[in-house]
Amino acid sequence: MSDPVPGWLTDLAANAADHPVPAPLRPPASGGRAAAVLLLFGRSPDGPDILLIQRSARGRNHAGQPAFPGGGVDPGDGGPVGAALREAEEETGLDRAGVRVLGTLPELYVWRSDNRVTPVLGWWHTPSAVHAASPDEVDAVARVPLAELADPGNRFGLRLPGGYTGPAFRVRGMLVWGFTAGVLNDVLALTGFARPWDDGKVEELPPEMLRLARR
């Protein structure tokens, strides 16, 4: 028997179009590569969770960073939904038949990779086993409980070399920052899972992550 969609996720999908896009993430009038990521929520013994991957340090874009499964939209995908499901299947080995797509969030622009990214909301009504199915692209796969992400002890600000400070999480041995952390920060707020945390706690981006980011 498949797991029904929880109300908080239905509400997120219904209100997604009204969520304003921060100025740094607004897509330009033209240009940029169409891409998509899958925000796949499920239910675990520890409560609602979300699927994350740890990108390979050998990758070209966002090397070594935790991320949502996803990538560029290919001609045969039929759009961002098809791309997000295909990429997630290729990267984690999940069975897309167990995923119900609920809609999309507004398009976001990632300037470093020149990607116009559409987040696709999915509910994992019938979970399947997942693993690092594409070793050249993915080092690890993890289902991270939303309660773990919302735990104030796992949250802090991460300051980049240019002085910008953004949200970050330390969960399951991963330092989640950048685009992925920004989206997770918004998701926690929009779904009501967010908890107060000390936004005065700030760390510097580790040198090894900076080195990979600048490749």
Protein backbone atom coordinates (compact mmCIF):
# COMPACT_ATOMS: atom_id res chain seq x y z
CA MET A 1 0.00 0.00 0.00
CA SER A 2 1.45 3.37 -1.01
CA ASP A 3 1.98 6.15 1.52
CA PRO A 4 -0.47 9.07 1.08
CA VAL A 5 0.87 12.58 0.50
CA PRO A 6 1.06 14.55 3.79
CA GLY A 7 -0.85 17.80 4.05
CA TRP A 8 2.26 19.98 4.57
CA LEU A 9 3.66 18.82 1.24
CA THR A 10 0.35 19.30 -0.56
CA ASP A 11 0.26 22.86 0.81
CA LEU A 12 3.86 23.49 -0.31
CA ALA A 13 3.02 22.38 -3.85
CA ALA A 14 -0.18 24.43 -3.93
CA ASN A 15 1.57 27.61 -2.76
CA ALA A 16 4.84 27.15 -4.66
CA ALA A 17 4.01 29.58 -7.45
CA ASP A 18 3.49 32.41 -4.94
CA HIS A 19 6.90 31.97 -3.31
CA PRO A 20 9.12 34.97 -4.24
CA VAL A 21 12.55 34.23 -5.71
CA PRO A 22 15.43 36.10 -3.96
CA ALA A 23 17.18 38.59 -6.25
CA PRO A 24 20.51 36.64 -6.46
CA LEU A 25 18.62 33.57 -7.73
CA ARG A 26 16.37 35.25 -10.28
CA PRO A 27 17.08 33.93 -13.79
CA PRO A 28 18.35 36.41 -16.38
CA ALA A 29 16.09 37.55 -19.21
CA SER A 30 17.86 35.14 -21.56
CA GLY A 31 20.58 32.53 -21.57
CA GLY A 32 21.40 29.79 -19.13
CA ARG A 33 21.07 26.03 -19.45
CA ALA A 34 17.76 24.42 -18.51
CA ALA A 35 18.20 22.07 -15.55
CA ALA A 36 16.10 20.41 -12.88
CA VAL A 37 16.53 18.90 -9.42
CA LEU A 38 14.28 16.48 -7.56
CA LEU A 39 13.18 17.44 -4.05
CA LEU A 40 12.08 13.96 -3.06
CA PHE A 41 10.35 13.73 0.31
CA GLY A 42 9.53 10.47 2.03
CA ARG A 43 8.61 9.04 5.40
CA SER A 44 11.10 7.24 7.63
CA PRO A 45 11.14 6.02 11.25
CA ASP A 46 12.64 9.43 12.09
CA GLY A 47 9.81 11.34 10.41
CA PRO A 48 9.69 13.08 7.02
CA ASP A 49 12.97 13.06 5.14
CA ILE A 50 14.52 14.25 1.88
CA LEU A 51 16.91 12.54 -0.51
CA LEU A 52 20.37 14.11 -0.92
CA ILE A 53 23.47 13.05 -2.81
CA GLN A 54 27.13 13.80 -2.21
CA ARG A 55 28.63 14.78 -5.56
CA SER A 56 31.96 13.27 -6.54
CA ALA A 57 35.06 15.39 -5.96
CA ARG A 58 36.01 14.40 -9.52
CA GLY A 59 32.99 16.14 -11.05
CA ARG A 60 33.10 19.27 -13.18
CA ASN A 61 30.35 21.32 -11.53
CA HIS A 62 29.77 21.66 -7.76
CA ALA A 63 32.37 18.96 -7.10
CA GLY A 64 32.25 17.40 -3.65
CA GLN A 65 29.07 19.22 -2.64
CA PRO A 66 25.88 17.69 -1.24
CA ALA A 67 23.01 18.31 -3.63
CA PHE A 68 19.58 17.22 -4.76
CA PRO A 69 19.57 14.61 -7.52
CA GLY A 70 19.36 16.38 -10.86
CA GLY A 71 21.06 17.81 -13.90
CA GLY A 72 20.52 19.28 -17.32
CA VAL A 73 17.27 18.92 -19.26
CA ASP A 74 17.85 16.75 -22.34
CA PRO A 75 15.66 16.91 -25.48
CA GLY A 76 14.07 13.54 -24.73
CA ASP A 77 13.05 14.47 -21.16
CA GLY A 78 9.95 16.41 -22.13
CA GLY A 79 10.82 19.14 -19.61
CA PRO A 80 12.13 19.54 -16.06
CA VAL A 81 9.96 16.83 -14.48
CA GLY A 82 11.26 14.16 -16.82
CA ALA A 83 14.82 15.42 -16.39
CA ALA A 84 14.63 15.37 -12.59
CA LEU A 85 13.26 11.81 -12.53
CA ARG A 86 15.78 10.55 -15.09
CA GLU A 87 18.73 12.10 -13.30
CA ALA A 88 17.56 10.80 -9.92
CA GLU A 89 17.21 7.31 -11.37
CA GLU A 90 20.68 7.48 -12.93
CA GLU A 91 22.36 8.91 -9.84
CA THR A 92 20.66 6.95 -7.05
CA GLY A 93 19.05 3.92 -8.69
CA LEU A 94 15.59 4.80 -7.37
CA ASP A 95 12.48 3.36 -8.98
CA ARG A 96 10.62 6.34 -10.43
CA ALA A 97 7.37 4.35 -10.29
CA GLY A 98 7.43 4.94 -6.53
CA VAL A 99 7.47 8.73 -6.91
CA ARG A 100 4.45 10.98 -7.25
CA VAL A 101 5.28 14.37 -8.73
CA LEU A 102 3.27 17.16 -7.09
CA GLY A 103 4.50 20.18 -9.04
CA THR A 104 7.44 22.52 -9.34
CA LEU A 105 8.92 25.50 -7.53
CA PRO A 106 9.83 28.69 -9.42
CA GLU A 107 12.93 28.51 -11.61
CA LEU A 108 16.20 29.52 -9.89
CA TYR A 109 19.46 30.65 -11.44
CA VAL A 110 22.84 29.21 -10.41
CA TRP A 111 25.36 31.64 -11.87
CA ARG A 112 28.48 29.54 -11.29
CA SER A 113 27.26 26.76 -13.58
CA ASP A 114 24.97 29.03 -15.67
CA ASN A 115 21.98 26.76 -14.95
CA ARG A 116 18.33 27.74 -14.82
CA VAL A 117 17.16 25.18 -12.27
CA THR A 118 13.56 24.05 -11.78
CA PRO A 119 13.03 22.28 -8.42
CA VAL A 120 10.55 19.41 -8.85
CA LEU A 121 8.53 18.36 -5.80
CA GLY A 122 8.06 14.63 -5.34
CA TRP A 123 6.53 12.32 -2.74
CA TRP A 124 8.16 8.92 -2.31
CA HIS A 125 4.97 6.97 -1.73
CA THR A 126 6.70 3.61 -2.33
CA PRO A 127 10.40 3.95 -1.44
CA SER A 128 13.01 1.80 -3.15
CA ALA A 129 16.62 1.08 -2.27
CA VAL A 130 19.05 3.80 -3.32
CA HIS A 131 22.83 3.96 -3.65
CA ALA A 132 25.58 5.82 -5.50
CA ALA A 133 24.53 4.44 -8.87
CA SER A 134 26.85 6.67 -10.91
CA PRO A 135 30.26 6.51 -9.17
CA ASP A 136 31.82 9.08 -11.52
CA GLU A 137 29.22 11.64 -10.45
CA VAL A 138 28.06 10.58 -6.98
CA ASP A 139 30.03 9.45 -3.92
CA ALA A 140 27.12 8.81 -1.55
CA VAL A 141 23.34 8.96 -1.16
CA ALA A 142 21.46 9.77 2.05
CA ARG A 143 17.89 10.14 3.26
CA VAL A 144 18.10 13.06 5.69
CA PRO A 145 15.23 13.63 8.17
CA LEU A 146 13.79 17.15 8.10
CA ALA A 147 13.99 17.18 11.91
CA GLU A 148 17.76 16.69 11.62
CA LEU A 149 18.03 19.60 9.21
CA ALA A 150 15.88 21.77 11.49
CA ASP A 151 17.90 20.89 14.62
CA PRO A 152 19.52 24.19 15.77
CA GLY A 153 22.69 22.26 16.62
CA ASN A 154 23.12 21.33 12.95
CA ARG A 155 22.61 24.85 11.59
CA PHE A 156 24.94 27.81 11.13
CA GLY A 157 25.93 30.52 8.69
CA LEU A 158 28.71 29.87 6.20
CA ARG A 159 30.78 32.83 5.04
CA LEU A 160 32.18 32.74 1.51
CA PRO A 161 35.40 34.51 0.43
CA GLY A 162 33.48 37.47 -1.04
CA GLY A 163 31.89 38.15 2.35
CA TYR A 164 28.41 36.71 1.62
CA THR A 165 27.05 34.54 4.42
CA GLY A 166 24.40 31.93 3.65
CA PRO A 167 22.68 29.11 5.52
CA ALA A 168 24.46 25.81 6.03
CA PHE A 169 23.78 22.44 7.64
CA ARG A 170 26.04 19.72 9.00
CA VAL A 171 24.17 16.41 8.74
CA ARG A 172 25.11 12.78 8.10
CA GLY A 173 28.77 13.71 7.77
CA MET A 174 27.99 16.26 5.05
CA LEU A 175 28.47 20.02 4.95
CA VAL A 176 25.43 21.27 3.02
CA TRP A 177 25.85 24.80 1.70
CA GLY A 178 25.28 27.02 -1.32
CA PHE A 179 22.26 26.51 -3.56
CA THR A 180 21.14 23.30 -1.84
CA ALA A 181 21.26 24.81 1.64
CA GLY A 182 19.35 27.88 0.46
CA VAL A 183 16.55 25.75 -0.96
CA LEU A 184 16.42 23.59 2.18
CA ASN A 185 16.28 26.70 4.34
CA ASP A 186 13.23 27.91 2.39
CA VAL A 187 11.59 24.47 2.44
CA LEU A 188 11.87 24.24 6.22
CA ALA A 189 10.32 27.68 6.60
CA LEU A 190 7.51 27.07 4.11
CA THR A 191 6.54 23.69 5.55
CA GLY A 192 6.59 24.75 9.20
CA PHE A 193 9.47 22.45 10.18
CA ALA A 194 11.90 25.31 10.84
CA ARG A 195 13.05 25.93 14.42
CA PRO A 196 14.79 28.98 15.85
CA TRP A 197 18.57 28.77 15.54
CA ASP A 198 21.55 30.98 16.29
CA ASP A 199 22.17 32.83 13.02
CA GLY A 200 25.07 34.57 14.72
CA LYS A 201 27.03 31.31 14.62
CA VAL A 202 29.14 31.69 11.47
CA GLU A 203 31.91 29.53 10.04
CA GLU A 204 34.27 30.08 7.13
CA LEU A 205 34.03 27.89 4.03
CA PRO A 206 36.67 25.15 4.52
CA PRO A 207 39.69 25.53 2.20
CA GLU A 208 39.15 22.13 0.59
CA MET A 209 35.56 23.04 -0.33
CA LEU A 210 36.73 26.39 -1.71
CA ARG A 211 39.35 24.64 -3.82
CA LEU A 212 36.75 22.29 -5.33
CA ALA A 213 34.26 25.10 -5.88
CA ARG A 214 36.83 27.14 -7.83
CA ARG A 215 37.81 24.31 -10.20
